[in-house]
Amino acid sequence: MASTKKANWGGIWKSIKRIDKDSNGFVTIEELEEIFREWFPLELEGKSPFYFFKKFGSIQNKTLINYKSIKDCINRQIL
């Protein structure tokens, strides 16, 4: 998914930054999943990125996800 639609990634990160009002690098897992479903509706149909996102969760608050770590992970996969 990451390598087939490289052009979408810039838009995804901009969408995420818009909802990260504190600029702390964390968003809720629900917000993150919603954004990914907007950008990849066909690829995620019938699938859940929940378990992938959980790997990047905050230790203090399980609903917060470190999207900067996800971005780094995806960029490594694309390159």
PDB file of N, CA and C in Angstrom:
ATOM      1  N   MET A   1       0.819  -1.174   0.000  1.00  0.00           N
ATOM      2  CA  MET A   1       0.000   0.000   0.000  1.00  0.00           C
ATOM      3  C   MET A   1       0.877   1.257   0.000  1.00  0.00           C
ATOM      4  N   ALA A   2       1.926   1.244   0.819  1.00  0.00           N
ATOM      5  CA  ALA A   2       2.800   2.411   0.924  1.00  0.00           C
ATOM      6  C   ALA A   2       3.535   2.686  -0.373  1.00  0.00           C
ATOM      7  N   SER A   3       4.009   1.656  -1.015  1.00  0.00           N
ATOM      8  CA  SER A   3       4.807   1.869  -2.222  1.00  0.00           C
ATOM      9  C   SER A   3       3.954   2.126  -3.461  1.00  0.00           C
ATOM     10  N   THR A   4       2.706   1.688  -3.480  1.00  0.00           N
ATOM     11  CA  THR A   4       1.877   1.878  -4.672  1.00  0.00           C
ATOM     12  C   THR A   4       1.289   3.272  -4.761  1.00  0.00           C
ATOM     13  N   LYS A   5       1.102   3.938  -3.642  1.00  0.00           N
ATOM     14  CA  LYS A   5       0.507   5.280  -3.656  1.00  0.00           C
ATOM     15  C   LYS A   5       1.399   6.270  -2.918  1.00  0.00           C
ATOM     16  N   LYS A   6       2.600   6.431  -3.380  1.00  0.00           N
ATOM     17  CA  LYS A   6       3.562   7.325  -2.718  1.00  0.00           C
ATOM     18  C   LYS A   6       3.067   8.761  -2.686  1.00  0.00           C
ATOM     19  N   ALA A   7       2.318   9.178  -3.702  1.00  0.00           N
ATOM     20  CA  ALA A   7       1.856  10.560  -3.773  1.00  0.00           C
ATOM     21  C   ALA A   7       0.885  10.905  -2.652  1.00  0.00           C
ATOM     22  N   ASN A   8       0.180   9.931  -2.113  1.00  0.00           N
ATOM     23  CA  ASN A   8      -0.795  10.185  -1.050  1.00  0.00           C
ATOM     24  C   ASN A   8      -0.159  10.511   0.291  1.00  0.00           C
ATOM     25  N   TRP A   9       1.058  10.111   0.518  1.00  0.00           N
ATOM     26  CA  TRP A   9       1.655  10.233   1.842  1.00  0.00           C
ATOM     27  C   TRP A   9       1.808  11.666   2.297  1.00  0.00           C
ATOM     28  N   GLY A  10       2.125  12.575   1.405  1.00  0.00           N
ATOM     29  CA  GLY A  10       2.226  13.988   1.788  1.00  0.00           C
ATOM     30  C   GLY A  10       0.907  14.510   2.317  1.00  0.00           C
ATOM     31  N   GLY A  11      -0.178  14.149   1.663  1.00  0.00           N
ATOM     32  CA  GLY A  11      -1.508  14.566   2.106  1.00  0.00           C
ATOM     33  C   GLY A  11      -1.897  13.952   3.432  1.00  0.00           C
ATOM     34  N   ILE A  12      -1.512  12.712   3.636  1.00  0.00           N
ATOM     35  CA  ILE A  12      -1.822  12.044   4.906  1.00  0.00           C
ATOM     36  C   ILE A  12      -1.134  12.758   6.057  1.00  0.00           C
ATOM     37  N   TRP A  13       0.141  13.050   5.910  1.00  0.00           N
ATOM     38  CA  TRP A  13       0.869  13.689   7.006  1.00  0.00           C
ATOM     39  C   TRP A  13       0.357  15.100   7.258  1.00  0.00           C
ATOM     40  N   LYS A  14      -0.063  15.813   6.217  1.00  0.00           N
ATOM     41  CA  LYS A  14      -0.650  17.141   6.411  1.00  0.00           C
ATOM     42  C   LYS A  14      -1.970  17.039   7.165  1.00  0.00           C
ATOM     43  N   SER A  15      -2.775  16.047   6.835  1.00  0.00           N
ATOM     44  CA  SER A  15      -4.050  15.836   7.529  1.00  0.00           C
ATOM     45  C   SER A  15      -3.816  15.536   9.007  1.00  0.00           C
ATOM     46  N   ILE A  16      -2.818  14.733   9.283  1.00  0.00           N
ATOM     47  CA  ILE A  16      -2.513  14.372  10.668  1.00  0.00           C
ATOM     48  C   ILE A  16      -2.010  15.590  11.434  1.00  0.00           C
ATOM     49  N   LYS A  17      -1.143  16.377  10.819  1.00  0.00           N
ATOM     50  CA  LYS A  17      -0.607  17.560  11.497  1.00  0.00           C
ATOM     51  C   LYS A  17      -1.718  18.552  11.840  1.00  0.00           C
ATOM     52  N   ARG A  18      -2.755  18.632  10.977  1.00  0.00           N
ATOM     53  CA  ARG A  18      -3.870  19.537  11.245  1.00  0.00           C
ATOM     54  C   ARG A  18      -4.617  19.167  12.525  1.00  0.00           C
ATOM     55  N   ILE A  19      -4.721  17.888  12.835  1.00  0.00           N
ATOM     56  CA  ILE A  19      -5.449  17.494  14.039  1.00  0.00           C
ATOM     57  C   ILE A  19      -4.553  17.418  15.269  1.00  0.00           C
ATOM     58  N   ASP A  20      -3.249  17.482  15.077  1.00  0.00           N
ATOM     59  CA  ASP A  20      -2.302  17.486  16.199  1.00  0.00           C
ATOM     60  C   ASP A  20      -2.070  18.931  16.626  1.00  0.00           C
ATOM     61  N   LYS A  21      -3.043  19.495  17.321  1.00  0.00           N
ATOM     62  CA  LYS A  21      -3.017  20.912  17.701  1.00  0.00           C
ATOM     63  C   LYS A  21      -1.835  21.254  18.611  1.00  0.00           C
ATOM     64  N   ASP A  22      -1.440  20.319  19.473  1.00  0.00           N
ATOM     65  CA  ASP A  22      -0.325  20.568  20.396  1.00  0.00           C
ATOM     66  C   ASP A  22       1.038  20.354  19.746  1.00  0.00           C
ATOM     67  N   SER A  23       1.065  19.788  18.560  1.00  0.00           N
ATOM     68  CA  SER A  23       2.307  19.436  17.865  1.00  0.00           C
ATOM     69  C   SER A  23       3.205  18.557  18.735  1.00  0.00           C
ATOM     70  N   ASN A  24       2.577  17.625  19.443  1.00  0.00           N
ATOM     71  CA  ASN A  24       3.334  16.736  20.310  1.00  0.00           C
ATOM     72  C   ASN A  24       3.670  15.402  19.655  1.00  0.00           C
ATOM     73  N   GLY A  25       3.184  15.185  18.431  1.00  0.00           N
ATOM     74  CA  GLY A  25       3.499  13.959  17.720  1.00  0.00           C
ATOM     75  C   GLY A  25       2.541  12.818  17.990  1.00  0.00           C
ATOM     76  N   PHE A  26       1.446  13.091  18.726  1.00  0.00           N
ATOM     77  CA  PHE A  26       0.492  12.043  19.066  1.00  0.00           C
ATOM     78  C   PHE A  26      -0.913  12.422  18.612  1.00  0.00           C
ATOM     79  N   VAL A  27      -1.641  11.454  18.108  1.00  0.00           N
ATOM     80  CA  VAL A  27      -3.063  11.580  17.778  1.00  0.00           C
ATOM     81  C   VAL A  27      -3.751  10.316  18.291  1.00  0.00           C
ATOM     82  N   THR A  28      -5.068  10.350  18.374  1.00  0.00           N
ATOM     83  CA  THR A  28      -5.759   9.151  18.843  1.00  0.00           C
ATOM     84  C   THR A  28      -5.788   8.105  17.737  1.00  0.00           C
ATOM     85  N   ILE A  29      -5.920   6.882  18.137  1.00  0.00           N
ATOM     86  CA  ILE A  29      -5.936   5.791  17.167  1.00  0.00           C
ATOM     87  C   ILE A  29      -7.150   5.901  16.254  1.00  0.00           C
ATOM     88  N   GLU A  30      -8.262   6.402  16.774  1.00  0.00           N
ATOM     89  CA  GLU A  30      -9.464   6.569  15.958  1.00  0.00           C
ATOM     90  C   GLU A  30      -9.259   7.629  14.880  1.00  0.00           C
ATOM     91  N   GLU A  31      -8.623   8.752  15.255  1.00  0.00           N
ATOM     92  CA  GLU A  31      -8.343   9.812  14.284  1.00  0.00           C
ATOM     93  C   GLU A  31      -7.408   9.308  13.188  1.00  0.00           C
ATOM     94  N   LEU A  32      -6.400   8.587  13.589  1.00  0.00           N
ATOM     95  CA  LEU A  32      -5.423   8.069  12.642  1.00  0.00           C
ATOM     96  C   LEU A  32      -6.065   7.074  11.669  1.00  0.00           C
ATOM     97  N   GLU A  33      -6.880   6.189  12.210  1.00  0.00           N
ATOM     98  CA  GLU A  33      -7.547   5.206  11.361  1.00  0.00           C
ATOM     99  C   GLU A  33      -8.498   5.887  10.383  1.00  0.00           C
ATOM    100  N   GLU A  34      -9.198   6.919  10.838  1.00  0.00           N
ATOM    101  CA  GLU A  34     -10.120   7.654   9.968  1.00  0.00           C
ATOM    102  C   GLU A  34      -9.377   8.313   8.800  1.00  0.00           C
ATOM    103  N   ILE A  35      -8.245   8.908   9.098  1.00  0.00           N
ATOM    104  CA  ILE A  35      -7.452   9.557   8.043  1.00  0.00           C
ATOM    105  C   ILE A  35      -6.960   8.526   7.028  1.00  0.00           C
ATOM    106  N   PHE A  36      -6.451   7.409   7.505  1.00  0.00           N
ATOM    107  CA  PHE A  36      -5.965   6.387   6.588  1.00  0.00           C
ATOM    108  C   PHE A  36      -7.101   5.825   5.735  1.00  0.00           C
ATOM    109  N   ARG A  37      -8.286   5.691   6.305  1.00  0.00           N
ATOM    110  CA  ARG A  37      -9.433   5.189   5.542  1.00  0.00           C
ATOM    111  C   ARG A  37      -9.878   6.190   4.488  1.00  0.00           C
ATOM    112  N   GLU A  38      -9.716   7.493   4.764  1.00  0.00           N
ATOM    113  CA  GLU A  38     -10.039   8.517   3.770  1.00  0.00           C
ATOM    114  C   GLU A  38      -9.106   8.418   2.562  1.00  0.00           C
ATOM    115  N   TRP A  39      -7.835   8.182   2.821  1.00  0.00           N
ATOM    116  CA  TRP A  39      -6.839   8.167   1.753  1.00  0.00           C
ATOM    117  C   TRP A  39      -6.713   6.813   1.056  1.00  0.00           C
ATOM    118  N   PHE A  40      -7.030   5.734   1.748  1.00  0.00           N
ATOM    119  CA  PHE A  40      -6.911   4.386   1.192  1.00  0.00           C
ATOM    120  C   PHE A  40      -8.203   3.587   1.402  1.00  0.00           C
ATOM    121  N   PRO A  41      -9.330   4.064   0.862  1.00  0.00           N
ATOM    122  CA  PRO A  41     -10.600   3.371   1.131  1.00  0.00           C
ATOM    123  C   PRO A  41     -10.656   1.961   0.551  1.00  0.00           C
ATOM    124  N   LEU A  42     -10.167   1.774  -0.636  1.00  0.00           N
ATOM    125  CA  LEU A  42     -10.217   0.449  -1.265  1.00  0.00           C
ATOM    126  C   LEU A  42      -9.232  -0.519  -0.635  1.00  0.00           C
ATOM    127  N   GLU A  43      -8.039  -0.043  -0.344  1.00  0.00           N
ATOM    128  CA  GLU A  43      -6.999  -0.900   0.223  1.00  0.00           C
ATOM    129  C   GLU A  43      -7.346  -1.370   1.639  1.00  0.00           C
ATOM    130  N   LEU A  44      -8.078  -0.540   2.394  1.00  0.00           N
ATOM    131  CA  LEU A  44      -8.402  -0.877   3.778  1.00  0.00           C
ATOM    132  C   LEU A  44      -9.812  -1.435   3.949  1.00  0.00           C
ATOM    133  N   GLU A  45     -10.518  -1.596   2.850  1.00  0.00           N
ATOM    134  CA  GLU A  45     -11.870  -2.144   2.939  1.00  0.00           C
ATOM    135  C   GLU A  45     -11.817  -3.564   3.510  1.00  0.00           C
ATOM    136  N   GLY A  46     -12.548  -3.765   4.597  1.00  0.00           N
ATOM    137  CA  GLY A  46     -12.575  -5.069   5.242  1.00  0.00           C
ATOM    138  C   GLY A  46     -11.338  -5.374   6.081  1.00  0.00           C
ATOM    139  N   LYS A  47     -10.447  -4.386   6.242  1.00  0.00           N
ATOM    140  CA  LYS A  47      -9.221  -4.574   7.025  1.00  0.00           C
ATOM    141  C   LYS A  47      -9.155  -3.511   8.108  1.00  0.00           C
ATOM    142  N   SER A  48      -8.325  -3.764   9.089  1.00  0.00           N
ATOM    143  CA  SER A  48      -8.140  -2.795  10.161  1.00  0.00           C
ATOM    144  C   SER A  48      -6.651  -2.556  10.387  1.00  0.00           C
ATOM    145  N   PRO A  49      -6.213  -1.295  10.323  1.00  0.00           N
ATOM    146  CA  PRO A  49      -4.812  -0.980  10.624  1.00  0.00           C
ATOM    147  C   PRO A  49      -4.560  -0.845  12.121  1.00  0.00           C
ATOM    148  N   PHE A  50      -5.560  -1.152  12.931  1.00  0.00           N
ATOM    149  CA  PHE A  50      -5.497  -0.989  14.384  1.00  0.00           C
ATOM    150  C   PHE A  50      -4.262  -1.652  14.993  1.00  0.00           C
ATOM    151  N   TYR A  51      -4.004  -2.900  14.652  1.00  0.00           N
ATOM    152  CA  TYR A  51      -2.880  -3.628  15.263  1.00  0.00           C
ATOM    153  C   TYR A  51      -1.528  -3.074  14.807  1.00  0.00           C
ATOM    154  N   PHE A  52      -1.456  -2.586  13.578  1.00  0.00           N
ATOM    155  CA  PHE A  52      -0.225  -1.937  13.118  1.00  0.00           C
ATOM    156  C   PHE A  52       0.009  -0.662  13.928  1.00  0.00           C
ATOM    157  N   PHE A  53      -1.044   0.144  14.105  1.00  0.00           N
ATOM    158  CA  PHE A  53      -0.923   1.400  14.839  1.00  0.00           C
ATOM    159  C   PHE A  53      -0.590   1.166  16.310  1.00  0.00           C
ATOM    160  N   LYS A  54      -1.118   0.111  16.915  1.00  0.00           N
ATOM    161  CA  LYS A  54      -0.903  -0.161  18.336  1.00  0.00           C
ATOM    162  C   LYS A  54       0.574  -0.322  18.677  1.00  0.00           C
ATOM    163  N   LYS A  55       1.376  -0.764  17.716  1.00  0.00           N
ATOM    164  CA  LYS A  55       2.816  -0.916  17.962  1.00  0.00           C
ATOM    165  C   LYS A  55       3.475   0.417  18.290  1.00  0.00           C
ATOM    166  N   PHE A  56       2.834   1.509  17.888  1.00  0.00           N
ATOM    167  CA  PHE A  56       3.402   2.838  18.059  1.00  0.00           C
ATOM    168  C   PHE A  56       2.669   3.633  19.144  1.00  0.00           C
ATOM    169  N   GLY A  57       1.969   2.927  20.014  1.00  0.00           N
ATOM    170  CA  GLY A  57       1.168   3.570  21.047  1.00  0.00           C
ATOM    171  C   GLY A  57       1.992   4.177  22.170  1.00  0.00           C
ATOM    172  N   SER A  58       1.388   5.117  22.849  1.00  0.00           N
ATOM    173  CA  SER A  58       1.989   5.758  24.011  1.00  0.00           C
ATOM    174  C   SER A  58       1.944   4.788  25.191  1.00  0.00           C
ATOM    175  N   ILE A  59       2.953   4.828  26.002  1.00  0.00           N
ATOM    176  CA  ILE A  59       2.989   3.972  27.183  1.00  0.00           C
ATOM    177  C   ILE A  59       1.987   4.468  28.230  1.00  0.00           C
ATOM    178  N   GLN A  60       1.854   5.782  28.359  1.00  0.00           N
ATOM    179  CA  GLN A  60       0.975   6.354  29.366  1.00  0.00           C
ATOM    180  C   GLN A  60      -0.500   6.285  28.980  1.00  0.00           C
ATOM    181  N   ASN A  61      -0.816   6.470  27.712  1.00  0.00           N
ATOM    182  CA  ASN A  61      -2.206   6.511  27.263  1.00  0.00           C
ATOM    183  C   ASN A  61      -2.341   5.615  26.033  1.00  0.00           C
ATOM    184  N   LYS A  62      -3.017   4.516  26.173  1.00  0.00           N
ATOM    185  CA  LYS A  62      -3.105   3.509  25.099  1.00  0.00           C
ATOM    186  C   LYS A  62      -3.899   3.971  23.881  1.00  0.00           C
ATOM    187  N   THR A  63      -4.662   5.070  24.006  1.00  0.00           N
ATOM    188  CA  THR A  63      -5.421   5.551  22.844  1.00  0.00           C
ATOM    189  C   THR A  63      -4.606   6.508  21.981  1.00  0.00           C
ATOM    190  N   LEU A  64      -3.458   6.964  22.476  1.00  0.00           N
ATOM    191  CA  LEU A  64      -2.612   7.878  21.708  1.00  0.00           C
ATOM    192  C   LEU A  64      -1.549   7.111  20.934  1.00  0.00           C
ATOM    193  N   ILE A  65      -1.355   7.528  19.687  1.00  0.00           N
ATOM    194  CA  ILE A  65      -0.403   6.882  18.792  1.00  0.00           C
ATOM    195  C   ILE A  65       0.639   7.904  18.352  1.00  0.00           C
ATOM    196  N   ASN A  66       1.899   7.518  18.377  1.00  0.00           N
ATOM    197  CA  ASN A  66       2.993   8.371  17.933  1.00  0.00           C
ATOM    198  C   ASN A  66       3.083   8.285  16.410  1.00  0.00           C
ATOM    199  N   TYR A  67       2.466   9.246  15.731  1.00  0.00           N
ATOM    200  CA  TYR A  67       2.428   9.187  14.270  1.00  0.00           C
ATOM    201  C   TYR A  67       3.788   9.477  13.646  1.00  0.00           C
ATOM    202  N   LYS A  68       4.662  10.136  14.350  1.00  0.00           N
ATOM    203  CA  LYS A  68       5.996  10.399  13.793  1.00  0.00           C
ATOM    204  C   LYS A  68       6.785   9.099  13.653  1.00  0.00           C
ATOM    205  N   SER A  69       6.607   8.180  14.586  1.00  0.00           N
ATOM    206  CA  SER A  69       7.250   6.871  14.476  1.00  0.00           C
ATOM    207  C   SER A  69       6.671   6.074  13.316  1.00  0.00           C
ATOM    208  N   ILE A  70       5.369   6.188  13.108  1.00  0.00           N
ATOM    209  CA  ILE A  70       4.731   5.514  11.970  1.00  0.00           C
ATOM    210  C   ILE A  70       5.270   6.087  10.666  1.00  0.00           C
ATOM    211  N   LYS A  71       5.399   7.402  10.627  1.00  0.00           N
ATOM    212  CA  LYS A  71       5.928   8.059   9.424  1.00  0.00           C
ATOM    213  C   LYS A  71       7.336   7.562   9.112  1.00  0.00           C
ATOM    214  N   ASP A  72       8.184   7.469  10.127  1.00  0.00           N
ATOM    215  CA  ASP A  72       9.549   6.971   9.934  1.00  0.00           C
ATOM    216  C   ASP A  72       9.542   5.528   9.438  1.00  0.00           C
ATOM    217  N   CYS A  73       8.689   4.704  10.022  1.00  0.00           N
ATOM    218  CA  CYS A  73       8.591   3.297   9.633  1.00  0.00           C
ATOM    219  C   CYS A  73       8.144   3.164   8.180  1.00  0.00           C
ATOM    220  N   ILE A  74       7.135   3.921   7.795  1.00  0.00           N
ATOM    221  CA  ILE A  74       6.624   3.858   6.422  1.00  0.00           C
ATOM    222  C   ILE A  74       7.651   4.383   5.434  1.00  0.00           C
ATOM    223  N   ASN A  75       8.325   5.472   5.794  1.00  0.00           N
ATOM    224  CA  ASN A  75       9.360   6.023   4.906  1.00  0.00           C
ATOM    225  C   ASN A  75      10.492   5.021   4.687  1.00  0.00           C
ATOM    226  N   ARG A  76      10.849   4.264   5.729  1.00  0.00           N
ATOM    227  CA  ARG A  76      11.892   3.232   5.563  1.00  0.00           C
ATOM    228  C   ARG A  76      11.406   2.151   4.591  1.00  0.00           C
ATOM    229  N   GLN A  77      10.130   1.798   4.655  1.00  0.00           N
ATOM    230  CA  GLN A  77       9.575   0.775   3.770  1.00  0.00           C
ATOM    231  C   GLN A  77       9.538   1.260   2.323  1.00  0.00           C
ATOM    232  N   ILE A  78       9.206   2.533   2.128  1.00  0.00           N
ATOM    233  CA  ILE A  78       9.116   3.074   0.768  1.00  0.00           C
ATOM    234  C   ILE A  78      10.498   3.169   0.133  1.00  0.00           C
ATOM    235  N   LEU A  79      11.468   3.626   0.917  1.00  0.00           N
ATOM    236  CA  LEU A  79      12.817   3.805   0.376  1.00  0.00           C
ATOM    237  C   LEU A  79      13.497   2.453   0.301  1.00  0.00           C
TER     238      LEU A  79
END
